[in-house]
Protein backbone atom coordinates (compact mmCIF):
# COMPACT_ATOMS: atom_id res chain seq x y z
CA MET A 1 -46.89 -32.60 6.18
CA SER A 2 -49.19 -35.02 4.38
CA LEU A 3 -52.53 -35.02 6.18
CA GLN A 4 -53.80 -38.14 4.47
CA HIS A 5 -51.37 -40.26 6.49
CA VAL A 6 -52.08 -38.69 9.87
CA ASP A 7 -53.12 -41.36 12.36
CA ILE A 8 -54.02 -39.65 15.65
CA PRO A 9 -56.79 -39.81 18.25
CA PRO A 10 -60.02 -38.22 16.94
CA SER A 11 -60.15 -35.80 19.85
CA GLU A 12 -56.85 -34.29 18.68
CA TRP A 13 -57.53 -34.42 14.92
CA GLY A 14 -58.85 -30.88 14.48
CA ALA A 15 -56.01 -29.21 16.38
CA THR A 16 -53.35 -31.28 14.62
CA VAL A 17 -54.44 -30.61 11.05
CA ALA A 18 -54.93 -26.93 11.84
CA SER A 19 -51.38 -26.62 13.16
CA SER A 20 -49.72 -28.72 10.47
CA PHE A 21 -49.29 -25.72 8.19
CA ILE A 22 -49.99 -22.68 10.40
CA THR A 23 -48.83 -23.04 13.99
CA LYS A 24 -51.23 -20.53 15.54
CA SER A 25 -54.89 -21.49 15.35
CA HIS A 26 -58.19 -19.92 16.46
CA HIS A 27 -61.53 -21.33 17.48
CA GLU A 28 -63.64 -18.18 17.19
CA PRO A 29 -63.45 -14.83 15.35
CA TYR A 30 -60.60 -12.58 16.49
CA THR A 31 -59.49 -9.01 15.84
CA ALA A 32 -57.79 -9.60 12.47
CA ILE A 33 -60.92 -11.17 10.97
CA ASP A 34 -63.57 -9.35 13.01
CA PRO A 35 -66.31 -8.76 10.39
CA SER A 36 -67.47 -5.57 12.11
CA ARG A 37 -64.05 -4.09 11.27
CA ALA A 38 -64.22 -5.05 7.59
CA ARG A 39 -64.56 -2.61 4.73
CA LEU A 40 -67.18 -3.72 2.24
CA PRO A 41 -68.06 -1.37 -0.62
CA LYS A 42 -71.68 -0.44 -1.24
CA PRO A 43 -73.59 -2.06 -2.80
CA PHE A 44 -72.34 -5.52 -1.81
CA VAL A 45 -74.51 -8.59 -2.33
CA VAL A 46 -73.76 -12.08 -1.00
CA CYS A 47 -75.56 -15.35 -1.74
CA ILE A 48 -75.16 -18.01 0.95
CA VAL A 49 -76.38 -21.48 -0.03
CA GLY A 50 -77.15 -23.60 3.02
CA ALA A 51 -77.94 -20.61 5.23
CA SER A 52 -80.62 -22.00 7.53
CA ARG A 53 -78.42 -22.99 10.45
CA GLY A 54 -74.91 -23.62 11.76
CA ILE A 55 -71.98 -22.46 9.63
CA GLY A 56 -74.25 -21.04 6.93
CA ALA A 57 -76.22 -18.91 9.39
CA GLY A 58 -72.95 -17.82 10.98
CA THR A 59 -71.67 -16.74 7.57
CA VAL A 60 -74.83 -14.73 6.92
CA CYS A 61 -74.43 -12.93 10.25
CA SER A 62 -70.76 -12.23 9.54
CA TYR A 63 -71.58 -10.49 6.26
CA ALA A 64 -74.38 -8.57 7.97
CA LYS A 65 -71.89 -7.32 10.58
CA ALA A 66 -69.50 -6.36 7.78
CA GLY A 67 -72.10 -4.12 6.17
CA ALA A 68 -73.31 -6.12 3.17
CA THR A 69 -76.25 -4.34 1.58
CA GLY A 70 -77.96 -7.46 0.24
CA LEU A 71 -78.07 -11.06 1.40
CA VAL A 72 -79.63 -13.97 -0.46
CA LEU A 73 -80.40 -16.77 1.98
CA ALA A 74 -80.91 -20.11 0.25
CA SER A 75 -81.54 -23.57 1.61
CA ARG A 76 -83.52 -26.70 0.88
CA ARG A 77 -85.01 -26.31 4.35
CA VAL A 78 -86.62 -22.86 4.39
CA SER A 79 -87.88 -22.94 7.97
CA GLY A 80 -84.62 -21.72 9.51
CA LEU A 81 -84.03 -18.97 6.96
CA GLU A 82 -86.57 -16.59 8.48
CA GLU A 83 -84.80 -16.79 11.83
CA THR A 84 -81.45 -16.15 10.16
CA ALA A 85 -82.89 -13.17 8.28
CA ALA A 86 -84.26 -11.75 11.52
CA LYS A 87 -80.80 -12.00 13.12
CA CYS A 88 -79.37 -10.10 10.15
CA LYS A 89 -81.89 -7.30 10.56
CA ALA A 90 -81.03 -7.05 14.24
CA LEU A 91 -77.36 -6.73 13.36
CA GLN A 92 -77.89 -4.35 10.45
CA PRO A 93 -81.40 -2.89 10.00
CA ASP A 94 -80.66 -1.55 6.50
CA VAL A 95 -79.69 -4.89 4.96
CA GLU A 96 -82.04 -6.30 2.33
CA THR A 97 -82.62 -10.04 2.50
CA GLU A 98 -84.16 -12.49 0.07
CA ILE A 99 -85.17 -15.99 1.15
CA VAL A 100 -85.03 -18.67 -1.55
CA ALA A 101 -85.90 -22.36 -1.39
CA CYS A 102 -83.12 -24.16 -3.23
CA ASP A 103 -82.07 -27.78 -3.63
CA ILE A 104 -78.54 -27.70 -5.01
CA THR A 105 -78.85 -31.24 -6.36
CA SER A 106 -81.37 -29.81 -8.86
CA ASN A 107 -80.01 -27.87 -11.82
CA ASP A 108 -83.34 -26.09 -12.31
CA SER A 109 -83.54 -25.11 -8.64
CA VAL A 110 -80.09 -23.47 -8.69
CA ALA A 111 -80.86 -21.78 -12.01
CA ALA A 112 -83.96 -20.28 -10.37
CA LEU A 113 -81.82 -19.11 -7.43
CA ALA A 114 -79.50 -17.27 -9.82
CA GLN A 115 -82.43 -15.64 -11.61
CA THR A 116 -84.05 -14.56 -8.34
CA THR A 117 -80.76 -13.02 -7.21
CA LYS A 118 -80.39 -11.12 -10.47
CA ASP A 119 -83.99 -9.93 -10.44
CA LYS A 120 -83.80 -8.76 -6.81
CA PHE A 121 -80.37 -7.13 -6.68
CA SER A 122 -79.06 -6.87 -10.27
CA ARG A 123 -75.61 -7.86 -9.00
CA LEU A 124 -73.72 -10.49 -7.02
CA ASP A 125 -70.37 -10.02 -5.26
CA VAL A 126 -69.81 -13.22 -3.29
CA VAL A 127 -71.19 -16.76 -3.33
CA VAL A 128 -70.67 -19.06 -0.34
CA VAL A 129 -71.70 -22.67 -0.92
CA ASN A 130 -72.20 -24.21 2.50
CA SER A 131 -74.64 -27.03 1.74
CA GLY A 132 -73.10 -30.40 2.52
CA TYR A 133 -73.95 -34.00 3.21
CA SER A 134 -72.04 -36.62 5.18
CA GLY A 135 -74.33 -39.51 5.92
CA PRO A 136 -73.45 -42.04 8.63
CA VAL A 137 -69.73 -42.56 9.21
CA VAL A 138 -68.93 -45.97 7.74
CA LEU A 139 -65.26 -46.96 7.57
CA SER A 140 -65.75 -50.02 5.35
CA LEU A 141 -66.47 -49.33 1.70
CA THR A 142 -68.25 -52.64 1.21
CA GLU A 143 -70.63 -51.79 4.04
CA THR A 144 -71.44 -48.33 2.67
CA ASP A 145 -75.02 -47.75 1.55
CA PRO A 146 -75.05 -46.94 -2.21
CA VAL A 147 -77.87 -44.45 -1.67
CA THR A 148 -75.95 -42.37 0.88
CA PHE A 149 -72.78 -42.61 -1.25
CA GLN A 150 -74.62 -41.18 -4.24
CA GLN A 151 -76.28 -38.51 -2.09
CA ALA A 152 -72.88 -37.30 -0.88
CA ILE A 153 -71.71 -36.99 -4.49
CA LYS A 154 -74.94 -35.23 -5.54
CA VAL A 155 -74.79 -32.63 -2.77
CA ASN A 156 -71.08 -32.02 -2.24
CA TYR A 157 -69.82 -32.33 -5.82
CA VAL A 158 -72.69 -32.06 -8.33
CA GLY A 159 -74.41 -29.43 -6.21
CA THR A 160 -71.27 -27.30 -6.20
CA PHE A 161 -71.11 -27.68 -10.00
CA HIS A 162 -74.70 -26.41 -10.29
CA CYS A 163 -73.86 -23.38 -8.14
CA ALA A 164 -70.73 -22.65 -10.16
CA LYS A 165 -72.55 -23.03 -13.47
CA HIS A 166 -75.39 -20.67 -12.65
CA LEU A 167 -73.90 -18.17 -10.18
CA ILE A 168 -70.42 -17.57 -11.61
CA PRO A 169 -71.84 -15.76 -14.68
CA LEU A 170 -73.63 -13.32 -12.36
CA LEU A 171 -70.42 -12.76 -10.39
CA LEU A 172 -68.48 -12.07 -13.60
CA GLU A 173 -71.00 -9.65 -15.05
CA THR A 174 -71.23 -7.55 -11.86
CA ASP A 175 -69.44 -4.27 -12.49
CA ARG A 176 -66.69 -3.62 -9.91
CA GLY A 177 -67.85 -6.60 -7.87
CA ALA A 178 -65.78 -8.69 -5.47
CA LYS A 179 -66.15 -11.70 -7.81
CA ALA A 180 -65.58 -14.38 -5.17
CA PHE A 181 -66.84 -17.97 -5.25
CA ILE A 182 -66.29 -19.80 -1.95
CA VAL A 183 -67.08 -23.37 -0.96
CA VAL A 184 -67.15 -24.57 2.62
CA SER A 185 -64.75 -27.45 2.17
CA SER A 186 -63.19 -29.89 4.62
CA LEU A 187 -59.72 -31.12 5.47
CA ALA A 188 -61.40 -34.53 5.46
CA ALA A 189 -60.94 -34.33 1.68
CA VAL A 190 -57.29 -35.27 2.11
CA ILE A 191 -57.47 -38.03 4.74
CA ILE A 192 -57.68 -41.76 4.05
CA ARG A 193 -57.59 -43.27 7.52
CA GLY A 194 -58.80 -42.64 11.05
CA ALA A 195 -62.11 -42.45 12.90
CA ILE A 196 -63.74 -40.05 10.41
CA ALA A 197 -62.31 -41.37 7.13
CA ASN A 198 -65.85 -41.78 5.81
CA THR A 199 -65.31 -42.67 2.14
CA GLN A 200 -68.52 -41.15 0.77
CA TYR A 201 -67.79 -37.81 2.44
CA CYS A 202 -64.03 -37.66 1.94
CA VAL A 203 -64.14 -38.60 -1.74
CA SER A 204 -67.01 -36.22 -2.56
CA LYS A 205 -65.27 -33.33 -0.77
CA LEU A 206 -62.05 -34.14 -2.64
CA ALA A 207 -63.97 -33.93 -5.91
CA GLN A 208 -65.38 -30.58 -4.78
CA LEU A 209 -61.88 -29.38 -3.95
CA LYS A 210 -60.59 -30.32 -7.40
CA LEU A 211 -63.57 -28.62 -9.01
CA ILE A 212 -62.58 -25.34 -7.36
CA GLU A 213 -59.07 -25.70 -8.77
CA HIS A 214 -60.65 -25.97 -12.22
CA VAL A 215 -62.81 -22.91 -11.54
CA HIS A 216 -59.67 -20.97 -10.65
CA GLU A 217 -57.84 -22.07 -13.80
CA GLN A 218 -60.75 -21.22 -16.07
CA TYR A 219 -61.92 -17.91 -14.61
CA SER A 220 -59.13 -16.25 -12.63
CA ALA A 221 -58.04 -14.32 -15.72
CA GLN A 222 -61.52 -12.72 -15.70
CA GLY A 223 -61.03 -11.57 -12.12
CA LEU A 224 -62.84 -14.41 -10.35
CA GLN A 225 -61.42 -15.59 -7.04
CA SER A 226 -62.35 -19.09 -5.88
CA PHE A 227 -61.61 -20.44 -2.43
CA SER A 228 -62.06 -23.72 -0.56
CA VAL A 229 -62.37 -23.05 3.18
CA HIS A 230 -62.27 -25.65 5.92
CA PRO A 231 -64.65 -24.23 8.58
CA GLY A 232 -63.00 -25.82 11.59
CA ALA A 233 -64.54 -28.51 13.78
CA VAL A 234 -68.03 -27.16 14.44
CA ALA A 235 -70.84 -28.84 16.37
CA THR A 236 -73.30 -28.53 13.51
CA GLU A 237 -76.47 -30.55 13.32
CA MET A 238 -74.85 -32.80 10.70
CA ALA A 239 -71.74 -33.33 12.83
CA GLU A 240 -73.76 -34.08 15.94
CA GLU A 241 -75.81 -36.65 14.03
CA THR A 242 -73.00 -38.41 12.17
CA ALA A 243 -69.68 -37.92 13.99
CA PRO A 244 -68.38 -40.79 16.17
CA GLY A 245 -68.87 -40.17 19.88
CA MET A 246 -65.12 -40.04 20.51
CA PHE A 247 -64.77 -37.23 17.96
CA LYS A 248 -67.50 -34.97 19.32
CA SER A 249 -65.24 -33.57 22.03
CA ALA A 250 -63.16 -32.03 19.22
CA LEU A 251 -66.11 -29.99 17.89
CA VAL A 252 -64.99 -26.78 19.60
CA ASP A 253 -65.03 -24.14 16.86
CA SER A 254 -67.54 -21.30 16.58
CA PRO A 255 -70.08 -21.52 13.72
CA GLU A 256 -69.20 -17.87 12.96
CA LEU A 257 -65.46 -18.52 12.52
CA CYS A 258 -65.82 -19.60 8.89
CA GLY A 259 -68.01 -16.62 8.00
CA ALA A 260 -65.56 -14.19 9.58
CA PHE A 261 -62.75 -15.81 7.59
CA CYS A 262 -64.81 -15.51 4.38
CA VAL A 263 -65.38 -11.82 5.05
CA TRP A 264 -61.63 -11.40 5.54
CA LEU A 265 -61.02 -13.10 2.19
CA THR A 266 -63.44 -10.85 0.34
CA LYS A 267 -63.21 -7.47 2.05
CA GLU A 268 -62.11 -4.47 0.04
CA GLY A 269 -58.38 -4.11 -0.47
CA ASN A 270 -57.49 -7.40 1.20
CA GLY A 271 -55.41 -8.71 -1.70
CA SER A 272 -56.22 -12.35 -1.03
CA SER A 273 -56.25 -13.41 -4.69
CA TRP A 274 -53.03 -15.37 -4.08
CA LEU A 275 -55.15 -17.88 -2.13
CA SER A 276 -57.53 -18.42 -5.05
CA GLY A 277 -57.78 -22.05 -6.11
CA ARG A 278 -56.33 -23.27 -2.81
CA LEU A 279 -57.60 -25.00 0.32
CA CYS A 280 -57.22 -23.06 3.54
CA SER A 281 -58.55 -23.44 7.07
CA ALA A 282 -60.61 -20.87 8.95
CA ASN A 283 -58.65 -21.94 12.03
CA TRP A 284 -55.40 -20.57 10.60
CA ASP A 285 -54.10 -17.28 11.93
CA VAL A 286 -54.30 -14.91 8.97
CA ASP A 287 -51.23 -12.88 9.92
CA GLU A 288 -49.12 -16.03 9.97
CA LEU A 289 -50.78 -17.17 6.75
CA GLU A 290 -49.90 -13.86 5.07
CA GLY A 291 -46.32 -14.36 6.24
CA ARG A 292 -46.12 -17.57 4.21
CA ARG A 293 -47.50 -16.05 1.01
CA GLY A 294 -44.21 -16.19 -0.91
CA GLU A 295 -43.65 -19.84 0.02
CA VAL A 296 -47.21 -20.82 -0.94
CA VAL A 297 -47.11 -19.05 -4.30
CA LYS A 298 -43.61 -20.24 -5.22
CA GLY A 299 -44.36 -23.86 -4.32
CA ASP A 300 -47.97 -23.69 -5.57
CA LEU A 301 -48.99 -25.17 -2.23
CA LEU A 302 -52.40 -25.99 -0.73
CA LYS A 303 -53.55 -27.80 -3.86
CA ILE A 304 -54.14 -31.43 -4.76
CA ARG A 305 -51.26 -33.06 -6.61
CA LEU A 306 -49.82 -36.43 -7.55
CA ASP A 307 -46.41 -37.11 -6.04
CA VAL A 308 -44.13 -39.14 -8.32
């Protein structure tokens, strides 16, 4: 099924795209991806960029539940990070946290984040890039504000490049590390019409998606796994501010669903490397997804391609 040509009511969009590949979908963490049941080796250090609220904070809490020994909480807006760190301590008193102010549109800022992580923990197992920018939903390109268009590119695409450039080396040099680089992506990257076909967001997330394919091609031979994960339809602050009113009823997914899915991807012995370089949805039932492994690998599915 080609998602870019789906033309359905916004209130049904999330459920439809989630069921287009995997028929069984979830809106909150469930037994198979319950982070408290995960096996993470010790030490295990995770850097979450965009951790102050919403999906990022949910991801932090998921890794805390899974037993991560170190968590680097980064965000341009530092105010919410202390609250997230406190939640982590309540979930796992032994976890070490480091709060870092980071603007991913700045190369120097992300370089400093990498150095702080190395200085504090001397290792890095997983990176989750959650920072994103949508801007107002505008369906006419000629009416789009050039400033917001450029901001979407700077955050969603260039910012991901900065994170890859400075944090992948630390992942690769970590002895016996999980070596996982994850971006919180969006199925909006592959749509071209409908109530949320916001060009600045869709195009920048498509560029991010293609970047992760390049990361996979360049570094998978060195053991790096790279994943693009659609987090579901979550009532984040950004979604509440920018989504059309008719779409808001579809924002039904838990902010911790994506984090639980990320833990599942990176837990010890999971064998999820076959999903590296691909786009997958946190809504998808992982048992059903595993059942389609052979088909996905043989057809090299869940990647961007040109049909001719």
